[in-house]
Each structure stands twice: as structure tokens, then as C-alpha cells.
Amino acid sequence: QVQLVESGGGLVQPGGSLRLSCAASGSAFTIYTMGWYRQGPGIQRDLVATMTSGGSANYGDSVKGRFTISRDNNKNTVYLQMNSLNPEDTGIYYCTARQSSVGRFYWGQGTQVTVSS
């Protein structure tokens, strides 16, 4: 079982920035993809950003140009730099990891991000 530990969430004003971190542990196998999904007012989790172990990144349309994902493969840690935050970015941000391009997702417990004046 892959264990994911998140940090960095909080309350910020519109236009502000936050940096999220997620560290993976508990697996003897290489993690292929790590990244972030978020849950807003609805029940579904929407793509924020993911990155493969080779450095290929994928972003949700609403965050392109504002958020940047990065990854330290040696530490099995993924980061999300969030700039120019707006209230629509408010939600629970869940770290995710998978061990192949078609495998199941593992999930962290989530960290709350609130953007409000």
C-alpha cells in the first residue's frame, strides 16, 4: 500500500500563492505518476496536475499558466506551486499516486485550500 502525506494547505486572499507538498512512502515499487486532484462544491475530484517519473506534466484547463507541478523522484515527493489564486480554486486538494500508466490511484487524506477575502 502506498501512503501519501500532504502539507501546505491554508487560507489565502485572492491573488495570493501557496505551495503544496506530498511525500509517498510504503511501496517497494516505482511510482509512475504523482499529482493532485481537487474537490470543489461537487462530489467529483477534478484533475489539477500530474507528472510522470519521466517529467511529463498534465494540467487541468482551469489551472494552466497559474499552477506548476514539480517532482523529486529521489524523495518520492511532488510539489504544486499555486499562483494567482482565485475563489474558484477553493477546495480539498488530494495527492494521488499510481504505479503504472493504467493502474489504480492511491489517495492522500486531502488538504484544504481556501481562497477568500
N, C-alpha and C. Protein backbone atom coordinates (compact mmCIF):
# COMPACT_ATOMS: atom_id res chain seq x y z
N GLN A 1 0.84 -1.18 0.00
CA GLN A 1 0.00 0.00 0.00
C GLN A 1 0.88 1.25 0.00
N VAL A 2 0.57 2.19 -0.88
CA VAL A 2 1.26 3.47 -0.95
C VAL A 2 0.60 4.42 0.04
N GLN A 3 1.42 5.06 0.87
CA GLN A 3 0.94 6.06 1.82
C GLN A 3 1.37 7.45 1.36
N LEU A 4 0.46 8.40 1.39
CA LEU A 4 0.69 9.75 0.91
C LEU A 4 0.43 10.75 2.03
N VAL A 5 1.39 11.63 2.28
CA VAL A 5 1.29 12.64 3.32
C VAL A 5 1.40 14.02 2.69
N GLU A 6 0.37 14.85 2.88
CA GLU A 6 0.27 16.16 2.26
C GLU A 6 0.52 17.26 3.28
N SER A 7 0.98 18.41 2.79
CA SER A 7 1.15 19.57 3.63
C SER A 7 1.08 20.83 2.77
N GLY A 8 0.82 21.97 3.40
CA GLY A 8 0.90 23.26 2.73
C GLY A 8 -0.41 23.97 2.48
N GLY A 9 -1.54 23.34 2.76
CA GLY A 9 -2.81 24.00 2.56
C GLY A 9 -3.05 25.11 3.57
N GLY A 10 -4.06 25.93 3.29
CA GLY A 10 -4.37 27.01 4.20
C GLY A 10 -5.32 28.01 3.58
N LEU A 11 -5.43 29.16 4.23
CA LEU A 11 -6.29 30.26 3.81
C LEU A 11 -5.45 31.37 3.21
N VAL A 12 -5.80 31.80 2.00
CA VAL A 12 -5.10 32.89 1.33
C VAL A 12 -6.11 33.82 0.68
N GLN A 13 -5.69 35.06 0.44
CA GLN A 13 -6.52 36.03 -0.26
C GLN A 13 -6.41 35.85 -1.77
N PRO A 14 -7.44 36.28 -2.52
CA PRO A 14 -7.33 36.22 -3.98
C PRO A 14 -6.07 36.90 -4.48
N GLY A 15 -5.43 36.26 -5.46
CA GLY A 15 -4.17 36.75 -5.98
C GLY A 15 -2.95 36.22 -5.27
N GLY A 16 -3.15 35.54 -4.15
CA GLY A 16 -2.04 35.01 -3.38
C GLY A 16 -1.51 33.70 -3.91
N SER A 17 -0.57 33.13 -3.16
CA SER A 17 0.11 31.91 -3.57
C SER A 17 0.21 30.93 -2.42
N LEU A 18 0.24 29.65 -2.77
CA LEU A 18 0.50 28.57 -1.84
C LEU A 18 1.36 27.52 -2.53
N ARG A 19 2.09 26.76 -1.73
CA ARG A 19 2.90 25.66 -2.24
C ARG A 19 2.53 24.40 -1.45
N LEU A 20 2.03 23.39 -2.15
CA LEU A 20 1.66 22.12 -1.55
C LEU A 20 2.77 21.10 -1.76
N SER A 21 2.91 20.20 -0.80
CA SER A 21 3.87 19.11 -0.89
C SER A 21 3.18 17.80 -0.57
N CYS A 22 3.65 16.73 -1.18
CA CYS A 22 3.13 15.40 -0.91
C CYS A 22 4.27 14.40 -1.03
N ALA A 23 4.48 13.62 0.02
CA ALA A 23 5.52 12.61 0.06
C ALA A 23 4.90 11.23 0.10
N ALA A 24 5.41 10.33 -0.74
CA ALA A 24 4.92 8.96 -0.81
C ALA A 24 5.88 8.02 -0.10
N SER A 25 5.32 7.03 0.58
CA SER A 25 6.11 6.02 1.26
C SER A 25 5.32 4.72 1.31
N GLY A 26 6.00 3.65 1.73
CA GLY A 26 5.32 2.38 1.97
C GLY A 26 5.24 1.43 0.79
N SER A 27 5.84 1.80 -0.35
CA SER A 27 5.81 0.95 -1.53
C SER A 27 7.22 0.52 -1.90
N ALA A 28 7.36 -0.75 -2.29
CA ALA A 28 8.64 -1.26 -2.74
C ALA A 28 8.85 -1.08 -4.24
N PHE A 29 7.85 -0.56 -4.95
CA PHE A 29 7.90 -0.42 -6.39
C PHE A 29 7.91 1.05 -6.80
N THR A 30 8.42 1.30 -7.99
CA THR A 30 8.50 2.65 -8.53
C THR A 30 7.10 3.22 -8.74
N ILE A 31 6.92 4.49 -8.35
CA ILE A 31 5.67 5.20 -8.59
C ILE A 31 5.77 5.90 -9.92
N TYR A 32 4.87 5.56 -10.84
CA TYR A 32 4.92 6.10 -12.19
C TYR A 32 4.39 7.53 -12.25
N THR A 33 3.23 7.77 -11.66
CA THR A 33 2.58 9.07 -11.72
C THR A 33 2.26 9.58 -10.31
N MET A 34 2.54 10.85 -10.07
CA MET A 34 2.11 11.53 -8.86
C MET A 34 1.46 12.85 -9.25
N GLY A 35 0.54 13.33 -8.43
CA GLY A 35 -0.07 14.60 -8.75
C GLY A 35 -1.18 14.97 -7.79
N TRP A 36 -2.06 15.85 -8.29
CA TRP A 36 -3.08 16.47 -7.46
C TRP A 36 -4.41 16.53 -8.17
N TYR A 37 -5.47 16.17 -7.46
CA TYR A 37 -6.85 16.41 -7.85
C TYR A 37 -7.51 17.24 -6.75
N ARG A 38 -8.61 17.90 -7.10
CA ARG A 38 -9.30 18.69 -6.08
C ARG A 38 -10.80 18.47 -6.16
N GLN A 39 -11.44 18.64 -5.01
CA GLN A 39 -12.88 18.51 -4.89
C GLN A 39 -13.45 19.86 -4.47
N GLY A 40 -14.24 20.46 -5.34
CA GLY A 40 -14.88 21.73 -5.05
C GLY A 40 -16.27 21.53 -4.48
N PRO A 41 -17.24 22.34 -4.94
CA PRO A 41 -18.61 22.21 -4.40
C PRO A 41 -19.27 20.87 -4.70
N GLY A 42 -18.91 20.23 -5.80
CA GLY A 42 -19.49 18.95 -6.15
C GLY A 42 -18.78 17.79 -5.47
N ILE A 43 -19.14 16.58 -5.87
CA ILE A 43 -18.58 15.40 -5.25
C ILE A 43 -17.41 14.82 -6.03
N GLN A 44 -17.24 15.21 -7.30
CA GLN A 44 -16.19 14.64 -8.11
C GLN A 44 -14.85 15.31 -7.82
N ARG A 45 -13.80 14.56 -8.09
CA ARG A 45 -12.45 15.08 -7.99
C ARG A 45 -11.92 15.39 -9.39
N ASP A 46 -11.54 16.65 -9.60
CA ASP A 46 -11.09 17.12 -10.90
C ASP A 46 -9.58 17.19 -10.96
N LEU A 47 -9.05 16.92 -12.13
CA LEU A 47 -7.61 17.00 -12.34
C LEU A 47 -7.09 18.41 -12.09
N VAL A 48 -6.03 18.50 -11.30
CA VAL A 48 -5.27 19.74 -11.16
C VAL A 48 -3.98 19.61 -11.97
N ALA A 49 -3.13 18.67 -11.60
CA ALA A 49 -1.89 18.44 -12.31
C ALA A 49 -1.32 17.10 -11.92
N THR A 50 -0.69 16.42 -12.88
CA THR A 50 0.04 15.19 -12.61
C THR A 50 1.36 15.23 -13.34
N MET A 51 2.29 14.41 -12.88
CA MET A 51 3.59 14.30 -13.52
C MET A 51 4.08 12.87 -13.43
N THR A 52 4.60 12.35 -14.54
CA THR A 52 5.19 11.03 -14.56
C THR A 52 6.60 11.08 -14.00
N SER A 53 7.16 9.91 -13.74
CA SER A 53 8.52 9.84 -13.24
C SER A 53 9.52 10.37 -14.26
N GLY A 54 9.14 10.38 -15.54
CA GLY A 54 9.99 10.92 -16.59
C GLY A 54 9.87 12.41 -16.80
N GLY A 55 8.96 13.07 -16.07
CA GLY A 55 8.84 14.52 -16.13
C GLY A 55 7.75 15.05 -17.03
N SER A 56 6.89 14.19 -17.57
CA SER A 56 5.79 14.66 -18.40
C SER A 56 4.64 15.14 -17.53
N ALA A 57 4.22 16.39 -17.71
CA ALA A 57 3.19 17.01 -16.89
C ALA A 57 1.88 17.14 -17.64
N ASN A 58 0.79 17.04 -16.92
CA ASN A 58 -0.55 17.22 -17.44
C ASN A 58 -1.32 18.12 -16.49
N TYR A 59 -1.96 19.18 -17.02
CA TYR A 59 -2.66 20.16 -16.20
C TYR A 59 -4.13 20.23 -16.57
N GLY A 60 -4.96 20.46 -15.57
CA GLY A 60 -6.34 20.79 -15.83
C GLY A 60 -6.44 22.15 -16.49
N ASP A 61 -7.46 22.33 -17.34
CA ASP A 61 -7.58 23.57 -18.11
C ASP A 61 -7.66 24.81 -17.23
N SER A 62 -8.32 24.72 -16.09
CA SER A 62 -8.55 25.89 -15.26
C SER A 62 -7.30 26.39 -14.55
N VAL A 63 -6.23 25.60 -14.51
CA VAL A 63 -5.04 26.00 -13.77
C VAL A 63 -3.83 26.24 -14.66
N LYS A 64 -3.96 26.01 -15.94
CA LYS A 64 -2.84 26.20 -16.86
C LYS A 64 -2.36 27.65 -16.83
N GLY A 65 -1.06 27.82 -16.72
CA GLY A 65 -0.47 29.15 -16.66
C GLY A 65 -0.38 29.73 -15.27
N ARG A 66 -1.04 29.12 -14.29
CA ARG A 66 -1.02 29.62 -12.92
C ARG A 66 -0.37 28.66 -11.95
N PHE A 67 -0.55 27.36 -12.16
CA PHE A 67 0.00 26.34 -11.27
C PHE A 67 1.15 25.64 -11.96
N THR A 68 2.13 25.21 -11.17
CA THR A 68 3.27 24.47 -11.68
C THR A 68 3.53 23.26 -10.81
N ILE A 69 3.58 22.08 -11.43
CA ILE A 69 3.89 20.86 -10.70
C ILE A 69 5.36 20.53 -10.89
N SER A 70 5.98 20.02 -9.84
CA SER A 70 7.35 19.55 -9.92
C SER A 70 7.48 18.30 -9.06
N ARG A 71 8.58 17.58 -9.25
CA ARG A 71 8.71 16.28 -8.60
C ARG A 71 10.16 15.98 -8.32
N ASP A 72 10.40 15.42 -7.14
CA ASP A 72 11.71 14.94 -6.75
C ASP A 72 11.61 13.42 -6.66
N ASN A 73 12.05 12.73 -7.69
CA ASN A 73 11.91 11.28 -7.73
C ASN A 73 12.71 10.58 -6.64
N ASN A 74 13.86 11.15 -6.28
CA ASN A 74 14.69 10.55 -5.25
C ASN A 74 13.99 10.54 -3.90
N LYS A 75 13.18 11.56 -3.63
CA LYS A 75 12.45 11.67 -2.37
C LYS A 75 11.01 11.19 -2.49
N ASN A 76 10.59 10.77 -3.68
CA ASN A 76 9.19 10.41 -3.92
C ASN A 76 8.24 11.49 -3.43
N THR A 77 8.56 12.72 -3.76
CA THR A 77 7.79 13.88 -3.33
C THR A 77 7.37 14.70 -4.54
N VAL A 78 6.13 15.17 -4.53
CA VAL A 78 5.61 16.03 -5.58
C VAL A 78 5.18 17.35 -4.96
N TYR A 79 5.35 18.44 -5.71
CA TYR A 79 5.03 19.78 -5.25
C TYR A 79 4.06 20.44 -6.22
N LEU A 80 3.27 21.34 -5.68
CA LEU A 80 2.36 22.13 -6.50
C LEU A 80 2.49 23.58 -6.09
N GLN A 81 3.07 24.40 -6.96
CA GLN A 81 3.16 25.84 -6.74
C GLN A 81 1.93 26.49 -7.35
N MET A 82 1.12 27.13 -6.52
CA MET A 82 -0.13 27.73 -6.94
C MET A 82 -0.01 29.25 -6.83
N ASN A 83 -0.09 29.93 -7.97
CA ASN A 83 -0.02 31.38 -8.03
C ASN A 83 -1.32 31.94 -8.57
N SER A 84 -1.52 33.23 -8.34
CA SER A 84 -2.72 33.94 -8.83
C SER A 84 -4.00 33.20 -8.45
N LEU A 85 -4.09 32.82 -7.21
CA LEU A 85 -5.24 32.04 -6.75
C LEU A 85 -6.52 32.88 -6.79
N ASN A 86 -7.62 32.24 -7.13
CA ASN A 86 -8.92 32.88 -7.12
C ASN A 86 -9.90 32.02 -6.34
N PRO A 87 -11.07 32.56 -6.00
CA PRO A 87 -12.01 31.79 -5.16
C PRO A 87 -12.43 30.45 -5.77
N GLU A 88 -12.44 30.33 -7.09
CA GLU A 88 -12.79 29.06 -7.72
C GLU A 88 -11.77 27.96 -7.45
N ASP A 89 -10.59 28.33 -6.97
CA ASP A 89 -9.58 27.34 -6.61
C ASP A 89 -9.82 26.73 -5.24
N THR A 90 -10.79 27.23 -4.52
CA THR A 90 -11.10 26.70 -3.19
C THR A 90 -11.56 25.25 -3.28
N GLY A 91 -11.06 24.42 -2.40
CA GLY A 91 -11.47 23.03 -2.37
C GLY A 91 -10.51 22.19 -1.55
N ILE A 92 -10.79 20.91 -1.53
CA ILE A 92 -9.91 19.95 -0.88
C ILE A 92 -8.98 19.39 -1.95
N TYR A 93 -7.70 19.54 -1.74
CA TYR A 93 -6.70 19.07 -2.68
C TYR A 93 -6.16 17.72 -2.22
N TYR A 94 -6.30 16.73 -3.09
CA TYR A 94 -5.90 15.37 -2.78
C TYR A 94 -4.66 14.99 -3.58
N CYS A 95 -3.65 14.52 -2.89
CA CYS A 95 -2.49 13.96 -3.54
C CYS A 95 -2.83 12.56 -4.05
N THR A 96 -2.29 12.21 -5.21
CA THR A 96 -2.55 10.90 -5.79
C THR A 96 -1.27 10.31 -6.36
N ALA A 97 -1.22 9.00 -6.42
CA ALA A 97 -0.08 8.29 -6.98
C ALA A 97 -0.56 6.98 -7.59
N ARG A 98 0.12 6.55 -8.65
CA ARG A 98 -0.16 5.27 -9.27
C ARG A 98 1.14 4.65 -9.74
N GLN A 99 1.14 3.33 -9.85
CA GLN A 99 2.37 2.59 -10.13
C GLN A 99 2.50 2.16 -11.58
N SER A 100 1.53 2.48 -12.40
CA SER A 100 1.62 2.28 -13.84
C SER A 100 0.72 3.31 -14.52
N SER A 101 0.82 3.40 -15.85
CA SER A 101 0.02 4.37 -16.59
C SER A 101 -1.45 4.01 -16.64
N VAL A 102 -1.82 2.79 -16.27
CA VAL A 102 -3.21 2.35 -16.31
C VAL A 102 -3.68 1.76 -14.99
N GLY A 103 -2.86 1.86 -13.94
CA GLY A 103 -3.19 1.26 -12.66
C GLY A 103 -4.13 2.10 -11.82
N ARG A 104 -4.47 1.55 -10.65
CA ARG A 104 -5.35 2.27 -9.74
C ARG A 104 -4.64 3.45 -9.11
N PHE A 105 -5.41 4.43 -8.69
CA PHE A 105 -4.89 5.58 -7.96
C PHE A 105 -4.91 5.31 -6.46
N TYR A 106 -3.83 5.71 -5.78
CA TYR A 106 -3.81 5.82 -4.34
C TYR A 106 -4.04 7.28 -3.97
N TRP A 107 -4.66 7.51 -2.81
CA TRP A 107 -5.07 8.86 -2.43
C TRP A 107 -4.59 9.22 -1.04
N GLY A 108 -4.19 10.49 -0.87
CA GLY A 108 -3.97 11.04 0.44
C GLY A 108 -5.28 11.44 1.09
N GLN A 109 -5.20 11.96 2.30
CA GLN A 109 -6.39 12.36 3.04
C GLN A 109 -6.92 13.73 2.61
N GLY A 110 -6.14 14.50 1.89
CA GLY A 110 -6.57 15.80 1.41
C GLY A 110 -6.12 16.93 2.32
N THR A 111 -5.93 18.10 1.72
CA THR A 111 -5.61 19.30 2.46
C THR A 111 -6.47 20.44 1.94
N GLN A 112 -7.05 21.21 2.85
CA GLN A 112 -7.99 22.25 2.48
C GLN A 112 -7.25 23.50 1.99
N VAL A 113 -7.68 24.01 0.84
CA VAL A 113 -7.22 25.29 0.33
C VAL A 113 -8.43 26.20 0.21
N THR A 114 -8.38 27.34 0.88
CA THR A 114 -9.48 28.30 0.84
C THR A 114 -8.95 29.64 0.35
N VAL A 115 -9.56 30.16 -0.70
CA VAL A 115 -9.18 31.45 -1.27
C VAL A 115 -10.35 32.40 -1.04
N SER A 116 -10.16 33.37 -0.17
CA SER A 116 -11.25 34.26 0.21
C SER A 116 -10.69 35.56 0.76
N SER A 117 -11.43 36.65 0.52
CA SER A 117 -11.08 37.94 1.08
C SER A 117 -11.77 38.18 2.42
